[in-house]
C-alpha cells in the first residue's frame, strides 16, 4: 500500500467524530488525530471546513472531507479492504437508506429532547420514540444491522443508543423502552463487544454523562436568560 497521510480533526464527545474513528479502526487505517476546542476552533479547522466550521474533518493527503456520513462513504471508496458496505446493490442501498433515516429522523429527536423544554420537548420526545421503534423493527432479532458482521449502518448509527440513554438520564424522559425495543437496547453493546478496537476509542459512558449534564445546564441557563 502506498504511503498515506491521514488526519482527523474531531472532538472527544462528538458521536459524529466517533463514527469516523470507528470506520478508520475497522479498516486498519493509521491516522493522526487532532482534538479541537469547539469554543476556540483552530485555524486548521476553519481552513479545512470553511462552510460549516464543524468537526469532524478528514484530511487525506492534504485534501479535506467534511460531514461524517460523507467521510464514511469516502473511506469506504478509498480503502477497499475490510468493506463496510455489502456487495449486493440492494443491501448496500438499504444500509445507506437507514443511516440517513437515523440522521434525519432519530438524531434530531434525541438531540431535541436534550435541548428543548416543556411541551416542545415532550412533542419531540414522542416523535423520537416513534422513529426509534421503526428502527427497532428494521433491526429485528439481528445482533448488527448487517446480521453477521459489523457494517456501514452499525458504524454510522449504533452510537445513538448510548447517547439516547444519556439524554434519558439528563432530562428524565424515556426514549428507548427495553420491552418494546430490546434489539436497540443491546445494539451498541453488541458492536463494542464484537470489536474491542472500537471500544478502545469510545468515550466511557460515565464521562459522557458528566459532560452532557454540564452542557445541559449551560443550555438551560442560556435559554432562560
C-alpha atoms as a PDB file:
ATOM      1  CA  UNK A   1       0.000   0.000   0.000  1.00  0.00           C
ATOM      2  CA  UNK A   2       1.318   3.462  -0.881  1.00  0.00           C
ATOM      3  CA  UNK A   3       2.227   5.946   1.833  1.00  0.00           C
ATOM      4  CA  UNK A   4      -0.863   7.793   3.016  1.00  0.00           C
ATOM      5  CA  UNK A   5      -1.193  10.861   5.196  1.00  0.00           C
ATOM      6  CA  UNK A   6      -4.480  10.743   7.071  1.00  0.00           C
ATOM      7  CA  UNK A   7      -5.556  13.257   9.712  1.00  0.00           C
ATOM      8  CA  UNK A   8      -8.794  13.519  11.646  1.00  0.00           C
ATOM      9  CA  UNK A   9      -9.975  16.715  13.302  1.00  0.00           C
ATOM     10  CA  UNK A  10     -12.527  15.885  15.958  1.00  0.00           C
ATOM     11  CA  UNK A  11     -13.853  16.345  19.471  1.00  0.00           C
ATOM     12  CA  UNK A  12     -13.788  13.598  22.088  1.00  0.00           C
ATOM     13  CA  UNK A  13     -17.503  13.798  22.989  1.00  0.00           C
ATOM     14  CA  UNK A  14     -18.812  14.042  19.414  1.00  0.00           C
ATOM     15  CA  UNK A  15     -20.676  10.986  18.141  1.00  0.00           C
ATOM     16  CA  UNK A  16     -20.098  12.216  14.593  1.00  0.00           C
ATOM     17  CA  UNK A  17     -16.336  12.134  15.099  1.00  0.00           C
ATOM     18  CA  UNK A  18     -16.745   8.723  16.776  1.00  0.00           C
ATOM     19  CA  UNK A  19     -18.246   7.260  13.585  1.00  0.00           C
ATOM     20  CA  UNK A  20     -15.112   8.256  11.682  1.00  0.00           C
ATOM     21  CA  UNK A  21     -12.807   6.819  14.354  1.00  0.00           C
ATOM     22  CA  UNK A  22     -14.761   3.548  14.123  1.00  0.00           C
ATOM     23  CA  UNK A  23     -14.537   3.365  10.324  1.00  0.00           C
ATOM     24  CA  UNK A  24     -10.797   4.060  10.314  1.00  0.00           C
ATOM     25  CA  UNK A  25     -10.188   1.485  13.066  1.00  0.00           C
ATOM     26  CA  UNK A  26     -12.197  -1.235  11.295  1.00  0.00           C
ATOM     27  CA  UNK A  27     -10.321  -0.540   8.077  1.00  0.00           C
ATOM     28  CA  UNK A  28      -6.978  -0.637   9.899  1.00  0.00           C
ATOM     29  CA  UNK A  29      -6.001   2.811   8.595  1.00  0.00           C
ATOM     30  CA  UNK A  30      -3.297   4.658  10.504  1.00  0.00           C
ATOM     31  CA  UNK A  31      -4.132   8.293  11.155  1.00  0.00           C
ATOM     32  CA  UNK A  32      -3.169  11.294  13.256  1.00  0.00           C
ATOM     33  CA  UNK A  33      -5.857  12.789  15.455  1.00  0.00           C
ATOM     34  CA  UNK A  34      -6.246  16.455  16.380  1.00  0.00           C
ATOM     35  CA  UNK A  35      -8.579  17.299  19.264  1.00  0.00           C
ATOM     36  CA  UNK A  36     -10.481  20.542  18.656  1.00  0.00           C
ATOM     37  CA  UNK A  37     -11.639  23.101  21.213  1.00  0.00           C
ATOM     38  CA  UNK A  38     -15.107  23.872  19.854  1.00  0.00           C
ATOM     39  CA  UNK A  39     -15.226  27.205  21.694  1.00  0.00           C
ATOM     40  CA  UNK A  40     -11.918  28.234  20.154  1.00  0.00           C
ATOM     41  CA  UNK A  41     -11.700  26.478  16.785  1.00  0.00           C
ATOM     42  CA  UNK A  42      -8.262  26.041  15.283  1.00  0.00           C
ATOM     43  CA  UNK A  43      -7.194  27.911  12.125  1.00  0.00           C
ATOM     44  CA  UNK A  44      -6.784  24.459  10.546  1.00  0.00           C
ATOM     45  CA  UNK A  45     -10.445  23.542  11.145  1.00  0.00           C
ATOM     46  CA  UNK A  46     -11.646  26.892   9.777  1.00  0.00           C
ATOM     47  CA  UNK A  47      -9.385  26.455   6.752  1.00  0.00           C
ATOM     48  CA  UNK A  48     -10.467  22.877   6.021  1.00  0.00           C
ATOM     49  CA  UNK A  49     -14.199  23.334   6.687  1.00  0.00           C
ATOM     50  CA  UNK A  50     -14.955  26.993   5.912  1.00  0.00           C
ATOM     51  CA  UNK A  51     -18.602  26.248   5.054  1.00  0.00           C
ATOM     52  CA  UNK A  52     -19.838  24.653   8.298  1.00  0.00           C
ATOM     53  CA  UNK A  53     -16.804  25.233  10.555  1.00  0.00           C
ATOM     54  CA  UNK A  54     -17.620  21.917  12.270  1.00  0.00           C
ATOM     55  CA  UNK A  55     -15.901  18.683  13.143  1.00  0.00           C
ATOM     56  CA  UNK A  56     -15.253  16.033  12.040  1.00  0.00           C
ATOM     57  CA  UNK A  57     -12.957  16.739   9.106  1.00  0.00           C
ATOM     58  CA  UNK A  58     -10.882  14.006   7.490  1.00  0.00           C
ATOM     59  CA  UNK A  59      -7.766  15.215   5.704  1.00  0.00           C
ATOM     60  CA  UNK A  60      -6.332  12.691   3.237  1.00  0.00           C
ATOM     61  CA  UNK A  61      -3.034  13.663   1.608  1.00  0.00           C
ATOM     62  CA  UNK A  62      -3.878  17.329   2.197  1.00  0.00           C
ATOM     63  CA  UNK A  63      -7.442  17.094   0.832  1.00  0.00           C
ATOM     64  CA  UNK A  64     -10.207  17.816   3.383  1.00  0.00           C
ATOM     65  CA  UNK A  65     -13.532  15.957   3.509  1.00  0.00           C
ATOM     66  CA  UNK A  66     -16.299  17.247   5.808  1.00  0.00           C
ATOM     67  CA  UNK A  67     -19.639  15.839   7.067  1.00  0.00           C
ATOM     68  CA  UNK A  68     -19.405  12.490   8.845  1.00  0.00           C
ATOM     69  CA  UNK A  69     -21.609  10.353   6.545  1.00  0.00           C
ATOM     70  CA  UNK A  70     -19.786  11.743   3.513  1.00  0.00           C
ATOM     71  CA  UNK A  71     -16.489  10.903   5.230  1.00  0.00           C
ATOM     72  CA  UNK A  72     -17.651   7.309   5.817  1.00  0.00           C
ATOM     73  CA  UNK A  73     -18.505   6.961   2.126  1.00  0.00           C
ATOM     74  CA  UNK A  74     -15.109   8.405   1.185  1.00  0.00           C
ATOM     75  CA  UNK A  75     -13.281   5.979   3.483  1.00  0.00           C
ATOM     76  CA  UNK A  76     -15.220   3.057   2.024  1.00  0.00           C
ATOM     77  CA  UNK A  77     -14.486   4.066  -1.572  1.00  0.00           C
ATOM     78  CA  UNK A  78     -10.828   4.950  -0.986  1.00  0.00           C
ATOM     79  CA  UNK A  79      -9.762   1.915   1.042  1.00  0.00           C
ATOM     80  CA  UNK A  80     -11.424  -1.157  -0.452  1.00  0.00           C
ATOM     81  CA  UNK A  81     -10.169  -3.681   2.130  1.00  0.00           C
ATOM     82  CA  UNK A  82     -12.371  -4.684   5.086  1.00  0.00           C
ATOM     83  CA  UNK A  83     -15.517  -3.401   3.333  1.00  0.00           C
ATOM     84  CA  UNK A  84     -18.243  -1.844   5.468  1.00  0.00           C
ATOM     85  CA  UNK A  85     -20.907  -1.890   2.756  1.00  0.00           C
ATOM     86  CA  UNK A  86     -22.200  -5.200   1.375  1.00  0.00           C
ATOM     87  CA  UNK A  87     -21.542  -6.144  -2.255  1.00  0.00           C
ATOM     88  CA  UNK A  88     -25.202  -6.626  -3.129  1.00  0.00           C
ATOM     89  CA  UNK A  89     -26.562  -3.321  -4.565  1.00  0.00           C
ATOM     90  CA  UNK A  90     -29.909  -3.670  -2.792  1.00  0.00           C
ATOM     91  CA  UNK A  91     -28.325  -4.375   0.608  1.00  0.00           C
ATOM     92  CA  UNK A  92     -25.906  -1.502   0.005  1.00  0.00           C
ATOM     93  CA  UNK A  93     -28.766   0.894  -0.755  1.00  0.00           C
ATOM     94  CA  UNK A  94     -30.635  -0.330   2.315  1.00  0.00           C
ATOM     95  CA  UNK A  95     -27.674   0.375   4.625  1.00  0.00           C
ATOM     96  CA  UNK A  96     -27.377   3.882   3.196  1.00  0.00           C
ATOM     97  CA  UNK A  97     -31.117   4.487   3.497  1.00  0.00           C
ATOM     98  CA  UNK A  98     -31.237   3.522   7.178  1.00  0.00           C
ATOM     99  CA  UNK A  99     -28.113   5.521   8.038  1.00  0.00           C
ATOM    100  CA  UNK A 100     -29.831   8.569   6.520  1.00  0.00           C
ATOM    101  CA  UNK A 101     -33.081   7.699   8.341  1.00  0.00           C
ATOM    102  CA  UNK A 102     -31.196   7.776  11.644  1.00  0.00           C
ATOM    103  CA  UNK A 103     -29.575  11.135  10.825  1.00  0.00           C
ATOM    104  CA  UNK A 104     -32.778  12.717   9.515  1.00  0.00           C
ATOM    105  CA  UNK A 105     -35.310  11.279  11.978  1.00  0.00           C
ATOM    106  CA  UNK A 106     -33.719   9.793  15.113  1.00  0.00           C
ATOM    107  CA  UNK A 107     -30.801  12.146  15.794  1.00  0.00           C
ATOM    108  CA  UNK A 108     -32.887  15.376  15.724  1.00  0.00           C
ATOM    109  CA  UNK A 109     -35.398  13.754  18.096  1.00  0.00           C
ATOM    110  CA  UNK A 110     -32.749  12.644  20.580  1.00  0.00           C
ATOM    111  CA  UNK A 111     -30.848  15.932  20.492  1.00  0.00           C
ATOM    112  CA  UNK A 112     -34.099  17.941  20.513  1.00  0.00           C
ATOM    113  CA  UNK A 113     -35.260  16.134  23.661  1.00  0.00           C
ATOM    114  CA  UNK A 114     -31.958  17.144  25.232  1.00  0.00           C
ATOM    115  CA  UNK A 115     -32.104  20.789  24.148  1.00  0.00           C
ATOM    116  CA  UNK A 116     -35.784  21.743  24.478  1.00  0.00           C
ATOM    117  CA  UNK A 117     -38.126  22.145  27.458  1.00  0.00           C
ATOM    118  CA  UNK A 118     -41.851  21.926  28.190  1.00  0.00           C
ATOM    119  CA  UNK A 119     -44.437  20.961  25.589  1.00  0.00           C
ATOM    120  CA  UNK A 120     -41.990  21.229  22.707  1.00  0.00           C
ATOM    121  CA  UNK A 121     -39.661  18.780  24.451  1.00  0.00           C
ATOM    122  CA  UNK A 122     -42.495  16.289  25.052  1.00  0.00           C
ATOM    123  CA  UNK A 123     -43.591  16.501  21.404  1.00  0.00           C
ATOM    124  CA  UNK A 124     -40.047  15.922  20.120  1.00  0.00           C
ATOM    125  CA  UNK A 125     -39.523  13.029  22.547  1.00  0.00           C
ATOM    126  CA  UNK A 126     -42.737  11.356  21.325  1.00  0.00           C
ATOM    127  CA  UNK A 127     -41.554  11.624  17.700  1.00  0.00           C
ATOM    128  CA  UNK A 128     -38.139  10.288  18.698  1.00  0.00           C
ATOM    129  CA  UNK A 129     -39.717   7.221  20.351  1.00  0.00           C
ATOM    130  CA  UNK A 130     -41.831   6.551  17.253  1.00  0.00           C
ATOM    131  CA  UNK A 131     -38.804   6.709  14.951  1.00  0.00           C
ATOM    132  CA  UNK A 132     -36.669   4.589  17.265  1.00  0.00           C
ATOM    133  CA  UNK A 133     -39.433   1.982  17.273  1.00  0.00           C
ATOM    134  CA  UNK A 134     -39.331   1.933  13.450  1.00  0.00           C
ATOM    135  CA  UNK A 135     -35.571   1.364  13.669  1.00  0.00           C
ATOM    136  CA  UNK A 136     -36.116  -1.441  16.188  1.00  0.00           C
ATOM    137  CA  UNK A 137     -38.434  -3.131  13.675  1.00  0.00           C
ATOM    138  CA  UNK A 138     -35.762  -2.997  10.991  1.00  0.00           C
ATOM    139  CA  UNK A 139     -33.023  -4.448  13.199  1.00  0.00           C
ATOM    140  CA  UNK A 140     -35.344  -7.177  14.497  1.00  0.00           C
ATOM    141  CA  UNK A 141     -33.521 -10.047  16.146  1.00  0.00           C
ATOM    142  CA  UNK A 142     -30.163  -9.361  14.488  1.00  0.00           C
ATOM    143  CA  UNK A 143     -27.060  -8.543  16.561  1.00  0.00           C
ATOM    144  CA  UNK A 144     -25.928  -5.993  13.965  1.00  0.00           C
ATOM    145  CA  UNK A 145     -27.716  -4.233  11.151  1.00  0.00           C
ATOM    146  CA  UNK A 146     -25.923  -6.453   8.627  1.00  0.00           C
ATOM    147  CA  UNK A 147     -26.721  -9.513  10.785  1.00  0.00           C
ATOM    148  CA  UNK A 148     -23.409 -11.423  10.815  1.00  0.00           C
ATOM    149  CA  UNK A 149     -20.781  -8.656  10.930  1.00  0.00           C
ATOM    150  CA  UNK A 150     -20.386  -5.005  11.804  1.00  0.00           C
ATOM    151  CA  UNK A 151     -21.050  -2.853   8.748  1.00  0.00           C
ATOM    152  CA  UNK A 152     -21.716   0.656   7.494  1.00  0.00           C
ATOM    153  CA  UNK A 153     -25.020   1.174   9.308  1.00  0.00           C
ATOM    154  CA  UNK A 154     -23.607  -0.036  12.640  1.00  0.00           C
ATOM    155  CA  UNK A 155     -20.615   2.292  12.308  1.00  0.00           C
ATOM    156  CA  UNK A 156     -22.835   5.198  11.277  1.00  0.00           C
ATOM    157  CA  UNK A 157     -25.587   4.760  13.828  1.00  0.00           C
ATOM    158  CA  UNK A 158     -25.144   2.332  16.740  1.00  0.00           C
ATOM    159  CA  UNK A 159     -23.854   5.178  18.935  1.00  0.00           C
ATOM    160  CA  UNK A 160     -27.346   6.731  19.088  1.00  0.00           C
ATOM    161  CA  UNK A 161     -28.341   4.139  21.692  1.00  0.00           C
ATOM    162  CA  UNK A 162     -25.674   5.293  24.145  1.00  0.00           C
ATOM    163  CA  UNK A 163     -26.487   8.963  23.514  1.00  0.00           C
ATOM    164  CA  UNK A 164     -30.251   8.347  23.861  1.00  0.00           C
ATOM    165  CA  UNK A 165     -29.652   6.686  27.235  1.00  0.00           C
ATOM    166  CA  UNK A 166     -27.529   9.650  28.344  1.00  0.00           C
ATOM    167  CA  UNK A 167     -30.276  12.081  27.289  1.00  0.00           C
ATOM    168  CA  UNK A 168     -32.826   9.988  29.214  1.00  0.00           C
ATOM    169  CA  UNK A 169     -30.747  10.296  32.356  1.00  0.00           C
ATOM    170  CA  UNK A 170     -30.042  14.016  31.981  1.00  0.00           C
ATOM    171  CA  UNK A 171     -33.624  15.156  31.241  1.00  0.00           C
ATOM    172  CA  UNK A 172     -35.538  12.257  32.848  1.00  0.00           C
ATOM    173  CA  UNK A 173     -37.564  11.375  29.734  1.00  0.00           C
ATOM    174  CA  UNK A 174     -37.689   7.791  28.459  1.00  0.00           C
ATOM    175  CA  UNK A 175     -36.770   7.364  24.790  1.00  0.00           C
ATOM    176  CA  UNK A 176     -35.923   3.653  24.484  1.00  0.00           C
ATOM    177  CA  UNK A 177     -38.312   1.185  26.093  1.00  0.00           C
ATOM    178  CA  UNK A 178     -36.438  -2.013  26.998  1.00  0.00           C
ATOM    179  CA  UNK A 179     -39.518  -4.198  26.490  1.00  0.00           C
ATOM    180  CA  UNK A 180     -40.636  -2.634  23.208  1.00  0.00           C
ATOM    181  CA  UNK A 181     -37.119  -2.132  21.802  1.00  0.00           C
ATOM    182  CA  UNK A 182     -34.894  -4.974  23.096  1.00  0.00           C
ATOM    183  CA  UNK A 183     -32.720  -5.037  19.963  1.00  0.00           C
ATOM    184  CA  UNK A 184     -31.929  -1.334  20.205  1.00  0.00           C
ATOM    185  CA  UNK A 185     -31.039  -1.672  23.882  1.00  0.00           C
ATOM    186  CA  UNK A 186     -28.356  -4.264  23.086  1.00  0.00           C
ATOM    187  CA  UNK A 187     -27.204  -2.955  19.666  1.00  0.00           C
ATOM    188  CA  UNK A 188     -24.487  -0.523  20.837  1.00  0.00           C
ATOM    189  CA  UNK A 189     -23.129  -3.070  23.338  1.00  0.00           C
ATOM    190  CA  UNK A 190     -23.096  -5.809  20.683  1.00  0.00           C
ATOM    191  CA  UNK A 191     -20.884  -3.645  18.472  1.00  0.00           C
ATOM    192  CA  UNK A 192     -18.425  -2.846  21.274  1.00  0.00           C
ATOM    193  CA  UNK A 193     -18.243  -6.478  22.413  1.00  0.00           C
ATOM    194  CA  UNK A 194     -17.681  -7.774  18.875  1.00  0.00           C
ATOM    195  CA  UNK A 195     -14.897  -5.262  18.142  1.00  0.00           C
ATOM    196  CA  UNK A 196     -12.724  -4.365  21.151  1.00  0.00           C
ATOM    197  CA  UNK A 197     -10.761  -1.990  18.895  1.00  0.00           C
ATOM    198  CA  UNK A 198     -13.906   0.175  18.716  1.00  0.00           C
ATOM    199  CA  UNK A 199     -14.424   0.062  22.462  1.00  0.00           C
ATOM    200  CA  UNK A 200     -10.906   1.431  22.956  1.00  0.00           C
ATOM    201  CA  UNK A 201     -11.702   4.661  21.091  1.00  0.00           C
ATOM    202  CA  UNK A 202     -15.227   5.085  22.520  1.00  0.00           C
ATOM    203  CA  UNK A 203     -15.506   7.511  25.462  1.00  0.00           C
ATOM    204  CA  UNK A 204     -16.728   5.888  28.708  1.00  0.00           C
ATOM    205  CA  UNK A 205     -20.450   6.399  29.270  1.00  0.00           C
ATOM    206  CA  UNK A 206     -19.989   7.923  32.741  1.00  0.00           C
ATOM    207  CA  UNK A 207     -17.574  10.528  31.336  1.00  0.00           C
ATOM    208  CA  UNK A 208     -20.025  11.388  28.542  1.00  0.00           C
ATOM    209  CA  UNK A 209     -22.848  11.612  31.075  1.00  0.00           C
ATOM    210  CA  UNK A 210     -20.978  14.118  33.259  1.00  0.00           C
ATOM    211  CA  UNK A 211     -20.004  16.162  30.204  1.00  0.00           C
ATOM    212  CA  UNK A 212     -23.588  16.296  28.942  1.00  0.00           C
ATOM    213  CA  UNK A 213     -25.009  17.158  32.362  1.00  0.00           C
ATOM    214  CA  UNK A 214     -22.762  20.219  32.363  1.00  0.00           C
ATOM    215  CA  UNK A 215     -23.636  21.057  28.760  1.00  0.00           C
ATOM    216  CA  UNK A 216     -27.364  20.751  29.531  1.00  0.00           C
ATOM    217  CA  UNK A 217     -27.068  23.179  32.482  1.00  0.00           C
ATOM    218  CA  UNK A 218     -25.451  25.700  30.136  1.00  0.00           C
ATOM    219  CA  UNK A 219     -28.232  25.253  27.561  1.00  0.00           C
ATOM    220  CA  UNK A 220     -30.986  25.699  30.130  1.00  0.00           C
ATOM    221  CA  UNK A 221     -29.260  28.738  31.652  1.00  0.00           C
ATOM    222  CA  UNK A 222     -28.826  30.450  28.272  1.00  0.00           C
ATOM    223  CA  UNK A 223     -32.425  29.644  27.267  1.00  0.00           C
ATOM    224  CA  UNK A 224     -33.853  31.185  30.443  1.00  0.00           C
ATOM    225  CA  UNK A 225     -31.650  34.294  30.428  1.00  0.00           C
END
